[in-house]
Amino acid sequence: SSTDRQVKLWDMGTQKCIHAFSGVHTDNVWQVAFDQSGDSLASVG
């Protein structure tokens, strides 16, 4: 996550962005966190 207001997901095998969540936050996104299962991702801003 970034000051650009985006949350991005990356494939570490290819170092390619596989998804960008644009427009879900309107200001700095301070934190991203996966749950213990890896099935849920949270972001706060």
All heavy atoms as atom14 arrays in JSON, in Angstrom:
{
  "sequence": "SSTDRQVKLWDMGTQKCIHAFSGVHTDNVWQVAFDQSGDSLASVG",
  "atom14_mask": [
    [1, 1, 1, 1, 1, 1, 0, 0, 0, 0, 0, 0, 0, 0],
    [1, 1, 1, 1, 1, 1, 0, 0, 0, 0, 0, 0, 0, 0],
    [1, 1, 1, 1, 1, 1, 1, 0, 0, 0, 0, 0, 0, 0],
    [1, 1, 1, 1, 1, 1, 1, 1, 0, 0, 0, 0, 0, 0],
    [1, 1, 1, 1, 1, 1, 1, 1, 1, 1, 1, 0, 0, 0],
    [1, 1, 1, 1, 1, 1, 1, 1, 1, 0, 0, 0, 0, 0],
    [1, 1, 1, 1, 1, 1, 1, 0, 0, 0, 0, 0, 0, 0],
    [1, 1, 1, 1, 1, 1, 1, 1, 1, 0, 0, 0, 0, 0],
    [1, 1, 1, 1, 1, 1, 1, 1, 0, 0, 0, 0, 0, 0],
    [1, 1, 1, 1, 1, 1, 1, 1, 1, 1, 1, 1, 1, 1],
    [1, 1, 1, 1, 1, 1, 1, 1, 0, 0, 0, 0, 0, 0],
    [1, 1, 1, 1, 1, 1, 1, 1, 0, 0, 0, 0, 0, 0],
    [1, 1, 1, 1, 0, 0, 0, 0, 0, 0, 0, 0, 0, 0],
    [1, 1, 1, 1, 1, 1, 1, 0, 0, 0, 0, 0, 0, 0],
    [1, 1, 1, 1, 1, 1, 1, 1, 1, 0, 0, 0, 0, 0],
    [1, 1, 1, 1, 1, 1, 1, 1, 1, 0, 0, 0, 0, 0],
    [1, 1, 1, 1, 1, 1, 0, 0, 0, 0, 0, 0, 0, 0],
    [1, 1, 1, 1, 1, 1, 1, 1, 0, 0, 0, 0, 0, 0],
    [1, 1, 1, 1, 1, 1, 1, 1, 1, 1, 0, 0, 0, 0],
    [1, 1, 1, 1, 1, 0, 0, 0, 0, 0, 0, 0, 0, 0],
    [1, 1, 1, 1, 1, 1, 1, 1, 1, 1, 1, 0, 0, 0],
    [1, 1, 1, 1, 1, 1, 0, 0, 0, 0, 0, 0, 0, 0],
    [1, 1, 1, 1, 0, 0, 0, 0, 0, 0, 0, 0, 0, 0],
    [1, 1, 1, 1, 1, 1, 1, 0, 0, 0, 0, 0, 0, 0],
    [1, 1, 1, 1, 1, 1, 1, 1, 1, 1, 0, 0, 0, 0],
    [1, 1, 1, 1, 1, 1, 1, 0, 0, 0, 0, 0, 0, 0],
    [1, 1, 1, 1, 1, 1, 1, 1, 0, 0, 0, 0, 0, 0],
    [1, 1, 1, 1, 1, 1, 1, 1, 0, 0, 0, 0, 0, 0],
    [1, 1, 1, 1, 1, 1, 1, 0, 0, 0, 0, 0, 0, 0],
    [1, 1, 1, 1, 1, 1, 1, 1, 1, 1, 1, 1, 1, 1],
    [1, 1, 1, 1, 1, 1, 1, 1, 1, 0, 0, 0, 0, 0],
    [1, 1, 1, 1, 1, 1, 1, 0, 0, 0, 0, 0, 0, 0],
    [1, 1, 1, 1, 1, 0, 0, 0, 0, 0, 0, 0, 0, 0],
    [1, 1, 1, 1, 1, 1, 1, 1, 1, 1, 1, 0, 0, 0],
    [1, 1, 1, 1, 1, 1, 1, 1, 0, 0, 0, 0, 0, 0],
    [1, 1, 1, 1, 1, 1, 1, 1, 1, 0, 0, 0, 0, 0],
    [1, 1, 1, 1, 1, 1, 0, 0, 0, 0, 0, 0, 0, 0],
    [1, 1, 1, 1, 0, 0, 0, 0, 0, 0, 0, 0, 0, 0],
    [1, 1, 1, 1, 1, 1, 1, 1, 0, 0, 0, 0, 0, 0],
    [1, 1, 1, 1, 1, 1, 0, 0, 0, 0, 0, 0, 0, 0],
    [1, 1, 1, 1, 1, 1, 1, 1, 0, 0, 0, 0, 0, 0],
    [1, 1, 1, 1, 1, 0, 0, 0, 0, 0, 0, 0, 0, 0],
    [1, 1, 1, 1, 1, 1, 0, 0, 0, 0, 0, 0, 0, 0],
    [1, 1, 1, 1, 1, 1, 1, 0, 0, 0, 0, 0, 0, 0],
    [1, 1, 1, 1, 0, 0, 0, 0, 0, 0, 0, 0, 0, 0]
  ],
  "atom14_positions": [
    [[0.85, -1.19, 0.0], [0.0, 0.0, 0.0], [0.88, 1.23, 0.0], [2.07, 1.17, 0.3], [-0.94, 0.01, 1.21], [-0.2, 0.22, 2.41], [0.0, 0.0, 0.0], [0.0, 0.0, 0.0], [0.0, 0.0, 0.0], [0.0, 0.0, 0.0], [0.0, 0.0, 0.0], [0.0, 0.0, 0.0], [0.0, 0.0, 0.0], [0.0, 0.0, 0.0]],
    [[0.25, 2.39, -0.31], [1.07, 3.56, -0.61], [0.32, 4.86, -0.36], [-0.9, 4.89, -0.15], [1.51, 3.48, -2.09], [2.09, 4.66, -2.55], [0.0, 0.0, 0.0], [0.0, 0.0, 0.0], [0.0, 0.0, 0.0], [0.0, 0.0, 0.0], [0.0, 0.0, 0.0], [0.0, 0.0, 0.0], [0.0, 0.0, 0.0], [0.0, 0.0, 0.0]],
    [[1.1, 5.94, -0.44], [0.51, 7.28, -0.43], [-0.24, 7.57, -1.72], [-0.94, 8.58, -1.81], [1.6, 8.35, -0.24], [2.6, 8.2, -1.25], [2.25, 8.24, 1.14], [0.0, 0.0, 0.0], [0.0, 0.0, 0.0], [0.0, 0.0, 0.0], [0.0, 0.0, 0.0], [0.0, 0.0, 0.0], [0.0, 0.0, 0.0], [0.0, 0.0, 0.0]],
    [[-0.1, 6.7, -2.72], [-0.85, 6.9, -3.97], [-2.29, 6.41, -3.86], [-3.02, 6.39, -4.85], [-0.14, 6.27, -5.16], [-0.1, 4.73, -5.1], [-0.69, 4.13, -4.18], [0.55, 4.13, -5.98], [0.0, 0.0, 0.0], [0.0, 0.0, 0.0], [0.0, 0.0, 0.0], [0.0, 0.0, 0.0], [0.0, 0.0, 0.0], [0.0, 0.0, 0.0]],
    [[-2.69, 5.98, -2.65], [-4.06, 5.57, -2.33], [-4.43, 4.2, -2.87], [-5.61, 3.82, -2.86], [-5.08, 6.61, -2.82], [-4.78, 8.03, -2.36], [-5.74, 9.02, -2.96], [-5.4, 10.39, -2.56], [-6.08, 11.47, -2.94], [-7.14, 11.33, -3.72], [-5.71, 12.66, -2.54], [0.0, 0.0, 0.0], [0.0, 0.0, 0.0], [0.0, 0.0, 0.0]],
    [[-3.45, 3.46, -3.32], [-3.72, 2.15, -3.91], [-3.25, 1.01, -3.02], [-2.3, 1.14, -2.25], [-3.03, 2.03, -5.28], [-3.65, 2.86, -6.38], [-3.14, 2.46, -7.75], [-2.03, 1.94, -7.89], [-3.95, 2.68, -8.77], [0.0, 0.0, 0.0], [0.0, 0.0, 0.0], [0.0, 0.0, 0.0], [0.0, 0.0, 0.0], [0.0, 0.0, 0.0]],
    [[-3.94, -0.11, -3.18], [-3.52, -1.4, -2.64], [-3.25, -2.3, -3.83], [-4.08, -2.39, -4.75], [-4.61, -2.03, -1.75], [-4.2, -3.43, -1.31], [-4.88, -1.15, -0.54], [0.0, 0.0, 0.0], [0.0, 0.0, 0.0], [0.0, 0.0, 0.0], [0.0, 0.0, 0.0], [0.0, 0.0, 0.0], [0.0, 0.0, 0.0], [0.0, 0.0, 0.0]],
    [[-2.08, -2.94, -3.84], [-1.72, -3.8, -4.97], [-1.36, -5.2, -4.48], [-0.81, -5.37, -3.39], [-0.54, -3.21, -5.75], [-0.87, -1.93, -6.51], [0.32, -1.47, -7.36], [-0.02, -0.24, -8.18], [1.11, 0.19, -9.04], [0.0, 0.0, 0.0], [0.0, 0.0, 0.0], [0.0, 0.0, 0.0], [0.0, 0.0, 0.0], [0.0, 0.0, 0.0]],
    [[-1.65, -6.18, -5.34], [-1.23, -7.56, -5.11], [-0.22, -7.94, -6.18], [-0.39, -7.63, -7.36], [-2.43, -8.5, -5.17], [-3.48, -8.37, -4.06], [-4.6, -9.37, -4.28], [-2.86, -8.55, -2.69], [0.0, 0.0, 0.0], [0.0, 0.0, 0.0], [0.0, 0.0, 0.0], [0.0, 0.0, 0.0], [0.0, 0.0, 0.0], [0.0, 0.0, 0.0]],
    [[0.83, -8.65, -5.73], [1.93, -9.01, -6.61], [2.19, -10.51, -6.55], [2.08, -11.13, -5.49], [3.22, -8.3, -6.17], [3.09, -6.81, -6.09], [2.6, -6.07, -5.04], [3.46, -5.87, -7.1], [2.63, -4.74, -5.34], [3.17, -4.58, -6.59], [4.02, -5.99, -8.38], [3.41, -3.42, -7.32], [4.27, -4.84, -9.1], [3.96, -3.57, -8.58]],
    [[2.54, -11.08, -7.71], [2.99, -12.47, -7.79], [4.51, -12.44, -7.63], [5.23, -11.89, -8.46], [2.61, -13.06, -9.15], [3.02, -14.51, -9.3], [3.99, -14.95, -8.65], [2.39, -15.24, -10.09], [0.0, 0.0, 0.0], [0.0, 0.0, 0.0], [0.0, 0.0, 0.0], [0.0, 0.0, 0.0], [0.0, 0.0, 0.0], [0.0, 0.0, 0.0]],
    [[5.01, -13.04, -6.54], [6.44, -12.97, -6.29], [7.25, -13.87, -7.2], [8.46, -13.71, -7.31], [6.73, -13.3, -4.82], [6.34, -12.18, -3.88], [7.28, -10.66, -4.18], [6.25, -9.79, -5.37], [0.0, 0.0, 0.0], [0.0, 0.0, 0.0], [0.0, 0.0, 0.0], [0.0, 0.0, 0.0], [0.0, 0.0, 0.0], [0.0, 0.0, 0.0]],
    [[6.6, -14.78, -7.89], [7.32, -15.58, -8.86], [7.74, -14.78, -10.08], [8.82, -14.98, -10.64], [0.0, 0.0, 0.0], [0.0, 0.0, 0.0], [0.0, 0.0, 0.0], [0.0, 0.0, 0.0], [0.0, 0.0, 0.0], [0.0, 0.0, 0.0], [0.0, 0.0, 0.0], [0.0, 0.0, 0.0], [0.0, 0.0, 0.0], [0.0, 0.0, 0.0]],
    [[6.87, -13.83, -10.46], [7.14, -13.02, -11.65], [7.43, -11.56, -11.33], [7.84, -10.8, -12.21], [5.93, -13.07, -12.6], [4.79, -12.5, -11.92], [5.61, -14.5, -12.99], [0.0, 0.0, 0.0], [0.0, 0.0, 0.0], [0.0, 0.0, 0.0], [0.0, 0.0, 0.0], [0.0, 0.0, 0.0], [0.0, 0.0, 0.0], [0.0, 0.0, 0.0]],
    [[7.2, -11.14, -10.09], [7.29, -9.75, -9.66], [6.35, -8.85, -10.46], [6.62, -7.67, -10.71], [8.72, -9.19, -9.74], [9.71, -9.87, -8.82], [10.26, -11.15, -9.41], [10.81, -11.11, -10.51], [10.15, -12.25, -8.69], [0.0, 0.0, 0.0], [0.0, 0.0, 0.0], [0.0, 0.0, 0.0], [0.0, 0.0, 0.0], [0.0, 0.0, 0.0]],
    [[5.23, -9.42, -10.88], [4.23, -8.67, -11.64], [3.0, -8.38, -10.77], [2.62, -9.2, -9.93], [3.79, -9.47, -12.88], [4.91, -9.79, -13.84], [5.49, -8.54, -14.49], [6.53, -8.9, -15.54], [7.15, -7.68, -16.15], [0.0, 0.0, 0.0], [0.0, 0.0, 0.0], [0.0, 0.0, 0.0], [0.0, 0.0, 0.0], [0.0, 0.0, 0.0]],
    [[2.41, -7.2, -11.0], [1.18, -6.86, -10.3], [0.03, -7.67, -10.88], [-0.2, -7.67, -12.09], [0.9, -5.37, -10.45], [-0.61, -4.81, -9.62], [0.0, 0.0, 0.0], [0.0, 0.0, 0.0], [0.0, 0.0, 0.0], [0.0, 0.0, 0.0], [0.0, 0.0, 0.0], [0.0, 0.0, 0.0], [0.0, 0.0, 0.0], [0.0, 0.0, 0.0]],
    [[-0.69, -8.39, -10.01], [-1.8, -9.21, -10.49], [-3.14, -8.54, -10.22], [-4.16, -8.94, -10.77], [-1.78, -10.62, -9.87], [-1.75, -10.55, -8.34], [-0.58, -11.39, -10.39], [-1.78, -11.92, -7.67], [0.0, 0.0, 0.0], [0.0, 0.0, 0.0], [0.0, 0.0, 0.0], [0.0, 0.0, 0.0], [0.0, 0.0, 0.0], [0.0, 0.0, 0.0]],
    [[-3.13, -7.49, -9.37], [-4.37, -6.74, -9.15], [-4.06, -5.44, -8.43], [-3.21, -5.41, -7.54], [-5.38, -7.54, -8.31], [-6.77, -6.98, -8.36], [-7.65, -7.27, -9.38], [-7.42, -6.13, -7.54], [-8.79, -6.64, -9.17], [-8.67, -5.93, -8.06], [0.0, 0.0, 0.0], [0.0, 0.0, 0.0], [0.0, 0.0, 0.0], [0.0, 0.0, 0.0]],
    [[-4.73, -4.37, -8.83], [-4.62, -3.08, -8.16], [-6.01, -2.63, -7.75], [-6.91, -2.54, -8.59], [-3.96, -2.05, -9.07], [0.0, 0.0, 0.0], [0.0, 0.0, 0.0], [0.0, 0.0, 0.0], [0.0, 0.0, 0.0], [0.0, 0.0, 0.0], [0.0, 0.0, 0.0], [0.0, 0.0, 0.0], [0.0, 0.0, 0.0], [0.0, 0.0, 0.0]],
    [[-6.18, -2.38, -6.46], [-7.45, -1.86, -5.95], [-7.37, -0.34, -5.99], [-6.75, 0.29, -5.13], [-7.69, -2.32, -4.51], [-7.88, -3.81, -4.38], [-6.81, -4.63, -4.03], [-9.12, -4.4, -4.58], [-6.98, -5.99, -3.89], [-9.3, -5.76, -4.44], [-8.22, -6.57, -4.1], [0.0, 0.0, 0.0], [0.0, 0.0, 0.0], [0.0, 0.0, 0.0]],
    [[-7.96, 0.25, -7.0], [-7.96, 1.7, -7.14], [-9.34, 2.24, -6.76], [-10.36, 1.64, -7.08], [-7.62, 2.1, -8.58], [-6.34, 1.62, -8.94], [0.0, 0.0, 0.0], [0.0, 0.0, 0.0], [0.0, 0.0, 0.0], [0.0, 0.0, 0.0], [0.0, 0.0, 0.0], [0.0, 0.0, 0.0], [0.0, 0.0, 0.0], [0.0, 0.0, 0.0]],
    [[-9.34, 3.36, -6.07], [-10.6, 4.0, -5.72], [-11.26, 3.48, -4.47], [-12.32, 3.98, -4.07], [0.0, 0.0, 0.0], [0.0, 0.0, 0.0], [0.0, 0.0, 0.0], [0.0, 0.0, 0.0], [0.0, 0.0, 0.0], [0.0, 0.0, 0.0], [0.0, 0.0, 0.0], [0.0, 0.0, 0.0], [0.0, 0.0, 0.0], [0.0, 0.0, 0.0]],
    [[-10.65, 2.48, -3.79], [-11.26, 1.96, -2.56], [-10.89, 2.84, -1.37], [-11.61, 2.89, -0.37], [-10.85, 0.5, -2.29], [-11.42, -0.4, -3.37], [-9.34, 0.34, -2.2], [0.0, 0.0, 0.0], [0.0, 0.0, 0.0], [0.0, 0.0, 0.0], [0.0, 0.0, 0.0], [0.0, 0.0, 0.0], [0.0, 0.0, 0.0], [0.0, 0.0, 0.0]],
    [[-9.74, 3.53, -1.45], [-9.34, 4.51, -0.43], [-9.18, 5.86, -1.1], [-8.84, 5.96, -2.29], [-8.03, 4.1, 0.24], [-8.16, 2.97, 1.2], [-8.67, 3.13, 2.48], [-7.84, 1.65, 1.08], [-8.65, 1.97, 3.1], [-8.16, 1.04, 2.28], [0.0, 0.0, 0.0], [0.0, 0.0, 0.0], [0.0, 0.0, 0.0], [0.0, 0.0, 0.0]],
    [[-9.39, 6.91, -0.33], [-9.3, 8.27, -0.87], [-8.14, 9.05, -0.27], [-8.02, 10.24, -0.49], [-10.61, 9.04, -0.61], [-10.86, 9.08, 0.81], [-11.78, 8.37, -1.31], [0.0, 0.0, 0.0], [0.0, 0.0, 0.0], [0.0, 0.0, 0.0], [0.0, 0.0, 0.0], [0.0, 0.0, 0.0], [0.0, 0.0, 0.0], [0.0, 0.0, 0.0]],
    [[-7.28, 8.37, 0.5], [-6.13, 9.02, 1.11], [-5.07, 7.93, 1.35], [-5.25, 6.78, 0.93], [-6.53, 9.71, 2.42], [-5.67, 10.93, 2.74], [-4.47, 10.91, 2.37], [-6.16, 11.87, 3.36], [0.0, 0.0, 0.0], [0.0, 0.0, 0.0], [0.0, 0.0, 0.0], [0.0, 0.0, 0.0], [0.0, 0.0, 0.0], [0.0, 0.0, 0.0]],
    [[-3.98, 8.3, 2.02], [-2.9, 7.36, 2.29], [-3.43, 6.05, 2.85], [-4.27, 6.05, 3.75], [-1.92, 7.94, 3.3], [-1.19, 9.17, 2.8], [-1.18, 9.46, 1.61], [-0.57, 9.9, 3.72], [0.0, 0.0, 0.0], [0.0, 0.0, 0.0], [0.0, 0.0, 0.0], [0.0, 0.0, 0.0], [0.0, 0.0, 0.0], [0.0, 0.0, 0.0]],
    [[-2.91, 4.93, 2.33], [-3.27, 3.61, 2.85], [-2.13, 3.16, 3.76], [-1.06, 2.76, 3.28], [-3.51, 2.59, 1.72], [-4.03, 1.28, 2.3], [-4.48, 3.14, 0.68], [0.0, 0.0, 0.0], [0.0, 0.0, 0.0], [0.0, 0.0, 0.0], [0.0, 0.0, 0.0], [0.0, 0.0, 0.0], [0.0, 0.0, 0.0], [0.0, 0.0, 0.0]],
    [[-2.36, 3.23, 5.07], [-1.28, 3.06, 6.02], [-0.89, 1.61, 6.25], [0.25, 1.32, 6.57], [-1.65, 3.7, 7.36], [-1.72, 5.19, 7.33], [-2.83, 5.98, 7.45], [-0.63, 6.11, 7.17], [-2.51, 7.31, 7.37], [-1.16, 7.42, 7.2], [0.75, 5.95, 7.0], [-0.36, 8.56, 7.07], [1.55, 7.08, 6.87], [1.0, 8.36, 6.91]],
    [[-1.83, 0.68, 6.11], [-1.52, -0.69, 6.49], [-2.3, -1.68, 5.64], [-3.48, -1.46, 5.33], [-1.88, -0.92, 7.96], [-1.54, -2.31, 8.49], [-0.17, -2.38, 9.09], [0.16, -1.61, 9.98], [0.65, -3.31, 8.64], [0.0, 0.0, 0.0], [0.0, 0.0, 0.0], [0.0, 0.0, 0.0], [0.0, 0.0, 0.0], [0.0, 0.0, 0.0]],
    [[-1.63, -2.77, 5.26], [-2.29, -3.94, 4.7], [-1.93, -5.14, 5.57], [-0.83, -5.2, 6.12], [-1.9, -4.2, 3.23], [-2.54, -3.19, 2.31], [-0.38, -4.22, 3.05], [0.0, 0.0, 0.0], [0.0, 0.0, 0.0], [0.0, 0.0, 0.0], [0.0, 0.0, 0.0], [0.0, 0.0, 0.0], [0.0, 0.0, 0.0], [0.0, 0.0, 0.0]],
    [[-2.85, -6.1, 5.69], [-2.59, -7.27, 6.54], [-3.4, -8.45, 6.05], [-4.61, -8.33, 5.84], [-2.95, -6.96, 8.0], [0.0, 0.0, 0.0], [0.0, 0.0, 0.0], [0.0, 0.0, 0.0], [0.0, 0.0, 0.0], [0.0, 0.0, 0.0], [0.0, 0.0, 0.0], [0.0, 0.0, 0.0], [0.0, 0.0, 0.0], [0.0, 0.0, 0.0]],
    [[-2.73, -9.59, 5.85], [-3.4, -10.85, 5.55], [-3.81, -11.54, 6.85], [-3.11, -11.45, 7.87], [-2.47, -11.8, 4.79], [-2.39, -11.55, 3.31], [-1.29, -10.9, 2.77], [-3.39, -11.98, 2.46], [-1.19, -10.69, 1.4], [-3.32, -11.78, 1.09], [-2.21, -11.13, 0.55], [0.0, 0.0, 0.0], [0.0, 0.0, 0.0], [0.0, 0.0, 0.0]],
    [[-4.95, -12.26, 6.79], [-5.31, -13.08, 7.94], [-4.5, -14.36, 7.93], [-3.69, -14.62, 7.02], [-6.82, -13.35, 7.98], [-7.29, -14.33, 6.9], [-6.52, -14.67, 5.99], [-8.46, -14.76, 6.99], [0.0, 0.0, 0.0], [0.0, 0.0, 0.0], [0.0, 0.0, 0.0], [0.0, 0.0, 0.0], [0.0, 0.0, 0.0], [0.0, 0.0, 0.0]],
    [[-4.67, -15.2, 8.96], [-3.84, -16.39, 9.11], [-4.07, -17.42, 8.01], [-3.2, -18.23, 7.73], [-4.08, -17.03, 10.49], [-3.42, -16.31, 11.65], [-4.15, -15.05, 12.11], [-5.3, -14.81, 11.74], [-3.49, -14.25, 12.93], [0.0, 0.0, 0.0], [0.0, 0.0, 0.0], [0.0, 0.0, 0.0], [0.0, 0.0, 0.0], [0.0, 0.0, 0.0]],
    [[-5.22, -17.37, 7.36], [-5.51, -18.32, 6.28], [-5.01, -17.84, 4.93], [-4.87, -18.63, 3.99], [-7.02, -18.57, 6.18], [-7.69, -17.43, 5.67], [0.0, 0.0, 0.0], [0.0, 0.0, 0.0], [0.0, 0.0, 0.0], [0.0, 0.0, 0.0], [0.0, 0.0, 0.0], [0.0, 0.0, 0.0], [0.0, 0.0, 0.0], [0.0, 0.0, 0.0]],
    [[-4.75, -16.55, 4.81], [-4.36, -15.98, 3.53], [-5.53, -15.69, 2.61], [-5.35, -15.2, 1.5], [0.0, 0.0, 0.0], [0.0, 0.0, 0.0], [0.0, 0.0, 0.0], [0.0, 0.0, 0.0], [0.0, 0.0, 0.0], [0.0, 0.0, 0.0], [0.0, 0.0, 0.0], [0.0, 0.0, 0.0], [0.0, 0.0, 0.0], [0.0, 0.0, 0.0]],
    [[-6.76, -15.97, 3.08], [-7.94, -15.79, 2.24], [-8.54, -14.39, 2.34], [-9.37, -14.01, 1.52], [-9.02, -16.82, 2.61], [-8.62, -18.23, 2.26], [-7.78, -18.4, 1.36], [-9.13, -19.17, 2.9], [0.0, 0.0, 0.0], [0.0, 0.0, 0.0], [0.0, 0.0, 0.0], [0.0, 0.0, 0.0], [0.0, 0.0, 0.0], [0.0, 0.0, 0.0]],
    [[-8.16, -13.64, 3.37], [-8.69, -12.3, 3.55], [-7.55, -11.31, 3.72], [-6.55, -11.6, 4.38], [-9.61, -12.22, 4.78], [-10.77, -13.01, 4.61], [0.0, 0.0, 0.0], [0.0, 0.0, 0.0], [0.0, 0.0, 0.0], [0.0, 0.0, 0.0], [0.0, 0.0, 0.0], [0.0, 0.0, 0.0], [0.0, 0.0, 0.0], [0.0, 0.0, 0.0]],
    [[-7.71, -10.16, 3.1], [-6.74, -9.08, 3.19], [-7.47, -7.83, 3.66], [-8.56, -7.52, 3.17], [-6.1, -8.81, 1.82], [-5.18, -7.59, 1.71], [-3.87, -7.83, 2.45], [-4.92, -7.25, 0.24], [0.0, 0.0, 0.0], [0.0, 0.0, 0.0], [0.0, 0.0, 0.0], [0.0, 0.0, 0.0], [0.0, 0.0, 0.0], [0.0, 0.0, 0.0]],
    [[-6.89, -7.14, 4.63], [-7.48, -5.9, 5.12], [-6.56, -4.73, 4.78], [-5.34, -4.88, 4.73], [-7.7, -5.95, 6.62], [0.0, 0.0, 0.0], [0.0, 0.0, 0.0], [0.0, 0.0, 0.0], [0.0, 0.0, 0.0], [0.0, 0.0, 0.0], [0.0, 0.0, 0.0], [0.0, 0.0, 0.0], [0.0, 0.0, 0.0], [0.0, 0.0, 0.0]],
    [[-7.17, -3.57, 4.56], [-6.4, -2.33, 4.4], [-7.1, -1.23, 5.17], [-8.33, -1.2, 5.28], [-6.26, -1.94, 2.92], [-7.53, -1.64, 2.34], [0.0, 0.0, 0.0], [0.0, 0.0, 0.0], [0.0, 0.0, 0.0], [0.0, 0.0, 0.0], [0.0, 0.0, 0.0], [0.0, 0.0, 0.0], [0.0, 0.0, 0.0], [0.0, 0.0, 0.0]],
    [[-6.29, -0.32, 5.74], [-6.82, 0.82, 6.49], [-6.07, 2.07, 6.07], [-4.92, 2.01, 5.66], [-6.68, 0.61, 8.02], [-7.52, -0.57, 8.48], [-5.23, 0.42, 8.43], [0.0, 0.0, 0.0], [0.0, 0.0, 0.0], [0.0, 0.0, 0.0], [0.0, 0.0, 0.0], [0.0, 0.0, 0.0], [0.0, 0.0, 0.0], [0.0, 0.0, 0.0]],
    [[-6.77, 3.22, 6.19], [-6.14, 4.43, 5.69], [-6.53, 5.7, 6.42], [-7.33, 5.69, 7.36], [0.0, 0.0, 0.0], [0.0, 0.0, 0.0], [0.0, 0.0, 0.0], [0.0, 0.0, 0.0], [0.0, 0.0, 0.0], [0.0, 0.0, 0.0], [0.0, 0.0, 0.0], [0.0, 0.0, 0.0], [0.0, 0.0, 0.0], [0.0, 0.0, 0.0]]
  ]
}
